[in-house]
C-alpha atoms as a PDB file:
ATOM      1  CA  MET A   1       5.256  -5.682  15.728  1.00  0.00           C
ATOM      2  CA  ALA A   2       4.894  -5.551  11.947  1.00  0.00           C
ATOM      3  CA  GLU A   3       1.723  -4.219  10.353  1.00  0.00           C
ATOM      4  CA  GLU A   4       0.774  -5.926   7.080  1.00  0.00           C
ATOM      5  CA  ILE A   5      -1.190  -3.706   4.717  1.00  0.00           C
ATOM      6  CA  LYS A   6      -3.426  -5.765   2.416  1.00  0.00           C
ATOM      7  CA  ALA A   7      -5.640  -4.949  -0.558  1.00  0.00           C
ATOM      8  CA  GLU A   8      -9.298  -4.557   0.290  1.00  0.00           C
ATOM      9  CA  MET A   9     -10.472  -5.101  -3.300  1.00  0.00           C
ATOM     10  CA  VAL A  10      -9.405  -6.167  -6.768  1.00  0.00           C
ATOM     11  CA  ALA A  11      -7.646  -3.178  -8.310  1.00  0.00           C
ATOM     12  CA  ASN A  12      -4.751  -1.952 -10.432  1.00  0.00           C
ATOM     13  CA  VAL A  13      -1.727  -0.436  -8.705  1.00  0.00           C
ATOM     14  CA  TRP A  14      -1.805   3.070 -10.165  1.00  0.00           C
ATOM     15  CA  LYS A  15       1.039   4.681  -8.196  1.00  0.00           C
ATOM     16  CA  VAL A  16       3.539   3.546  -5.558  1.00  0.00           C
ATOM     17  CA  VAL A  17       4.141   6.503  -3.226  1.00  0.00           C
ATOM     18  CA  ALA A  18       6.341   5.001  -0.489  1.00  0.00           C
ATOM     19  CA  ALA A  19       9.516   2.932  -0.685  1.00  0.00           C
ATOM     20  CA  ALA A  20      11.264   0.500   1.632  1.00  0.00           C
ATOM     21  CA  GLY A  21      13.133   2.465   4.289  1.00  0.00           C
ATOM     22  CA  ASP A  22      10.710   5.409   4.308  1.00  0.00           C
ATOM     23  CA  GLU A  23       9.464   6.636   7.685  1.00  0.00           C
ATOM     24  CA  VAL A  24       5.682   6.952   7.699  1.00  0.00           C
ATOM     25  CA  SER A  25       3.079   8.322  10.072  1.00  0.00           C
ATOM     26  CA  GLU A  26      -0.460   7.139  10.708  1.00  0.00           C
ATOM     27  CA  GLY A  27      -2.623   8.161   7.746  1.00  0.00           C
ATOM     28  CA  ASP A  28       0.216   8.442   5.200  1.00  0.00           C
ATOM     29  CA  THR A  29      -0.497   7.105   1.711  1.00  0.00           C
ATOM     30  CA  LEU A  30       1.659   4.152   0.672  1.00  0.00           C
ATOM     31  CA  VAL A  31       0.124   3.191  -2.667  1.00  0.00           C
ATOM     32  CA  ILE A  32      -2.749   4.445  -4.825  1.00  0.00           C
ATOM     33  CA  LEU A  33      -4.993   1.803  -6.354  1.00  0.00           C
ATOM     34  CA  GLU A  34      -7.359   2.320  -9.287  1.00  0.00           C
ATOM     35  CA  SER A  35     -10.639   0.489  -9.636  1.00  0.00           C
ATOM     36  CA  MET A  36     -13.604   1.424 -11.817  1.00  0.00           C
ATOM     37  CA  LYS A  37     -11.910   4.763 -12.669  1.00  0.00           C
ATOM     38  CA  MET A  38     -11.673   5.689  -8.968  1.00  0.00           C
ATOM     39  CA  GLU A  39      -8.386   6.320  -7.168  1.00  0.00           C
ATOM     40  CA  ILE A  40      -8.206   4.596  -3.783  1.00  0.00           C
ATOM     41  CA  PRO A  41      -5.346   5.536  -1.437  1.00  0.00           C
ATOM     42  CA  VAL A  42      -3.907   2.726   0.682  1.00  0.00           C
ATOM     43  CA  ILE A  43      -2.844   4.249   4.006  1.00  0.00           C
ATOM     44  CA  THR A  44      -0.932   3.117   7.056  1.00  0.00           C
ATOM     45  CA  GLU A  45      -2.727   2.860  10.376  1.00  0.00           C
ATOM     46  CA  SER A  46       0.406   3.315  12.475  1.00  0.00           C
ATOM     47  CA  ASP A  47       3.737   5.135  12.597  1.00  0.00           C
ATOM     48  CA  GLY A  48       6.819   3.205  11.539  1.00  0.00           C
ATOM     49  CA  VAL A  49       9.270   2.389   8.789  1.00  0.00           C
ATOM     50  CA  VAL A  50       8.283   0.729   5.522  1.00  0.00           C
ATOM     51  CA  SER A  51      10.149  -2.578   5.456  1.00  0.00           C
ATOM     52  CA  LYS A  52       8.607  -3.869   2.224  1.00  0.00           C
ATOM     53  CA  ILE A  53       6.502  -2.687  -0.700  1.00  0.00           C
ATOM     54  CA  ALA A  54       5.167  -5.871  -2.281  1.00  0.00           C
ATOM     55  CA  VAL A  55       3.623  -4.348  -5.436  1.00  0.00           C
ATOM     56  CA  ASN A  56       4.769  -2.416  -8.482  1.00  0.00           C
ATOM     57  CA  GLU A  57       2.963   0.174 -10.580  1.00  0.00           C
ATOM     58  CA  GLY A  58       0.794  -1.615 -13.133  1.00  0.00           C
ATOM     59  CA  ASP A  59       0.294  -4.750 -11.012  1.00  0.00           C
ATOM     60  CA  VAL A  60      -3.193  -6.121 -10.422  1.00  0.00           C
ATOM     61  CA  VAL A  61      -3.958  -6.990  -6.804  1.00  0.00           C
ATOM     62  CA  GLN A  62      -6.655  -9.303  -5.507  1.00  0.00           C
ATOM     63  CA  GLU A  63      -8.536  -8.821  -2.245  1.00  0.00           C
ATOM     64  CA  GLY A  64      -6.223  -9.874   0.588  1.00  0.00           C
ATOM     65  CA  ASP A  65      -2.963  -9.525  -1.379  1.00  0.00           C
ATOM     66  CA  LEU A  66      -0.045  -8.050   0.565  1.00  0.00           C
ATOM     67  CA  ILE A  67       0.742  -4.453  -0.413  1.00  0.00           C
ATOM     68  CA  ALA A  68       3.239  -3.338   2.219  1.00  0.00           C
ATOM     69  CA  VAL A  69       4.765  -4.120   5.613  1.00  0.00           C
ATOM     70  CA  ILE A  70       5.361  -1.439   8.272  1.00  0.00           C
ATOM     71  CA  GLU A  71       7.745  -2.135  11.162  1.00  0.00           C
END
C-alpha cells in the first residue's frame, strides 16, 4: 500500500533529500521545508521505497499538496 506524504503547511521547499528509487526507513527525512525562517523536515512514517518526489527545491507548497509517495 502506498503512503502519500503531504505538506502540513504553506512553505518553501528548501532541500530535497530523497530521490525516486531510494530505500527509506521510518523517520527518514525526505524533504526539508522552510517557513518563517524555520526548517521543517518532512519524514516518512513507514519503511519502503520512494516511488515519487513531487516537488523541487524552490517550489512553494500549499497545505495538503503531495510531496512524496512511498511504496
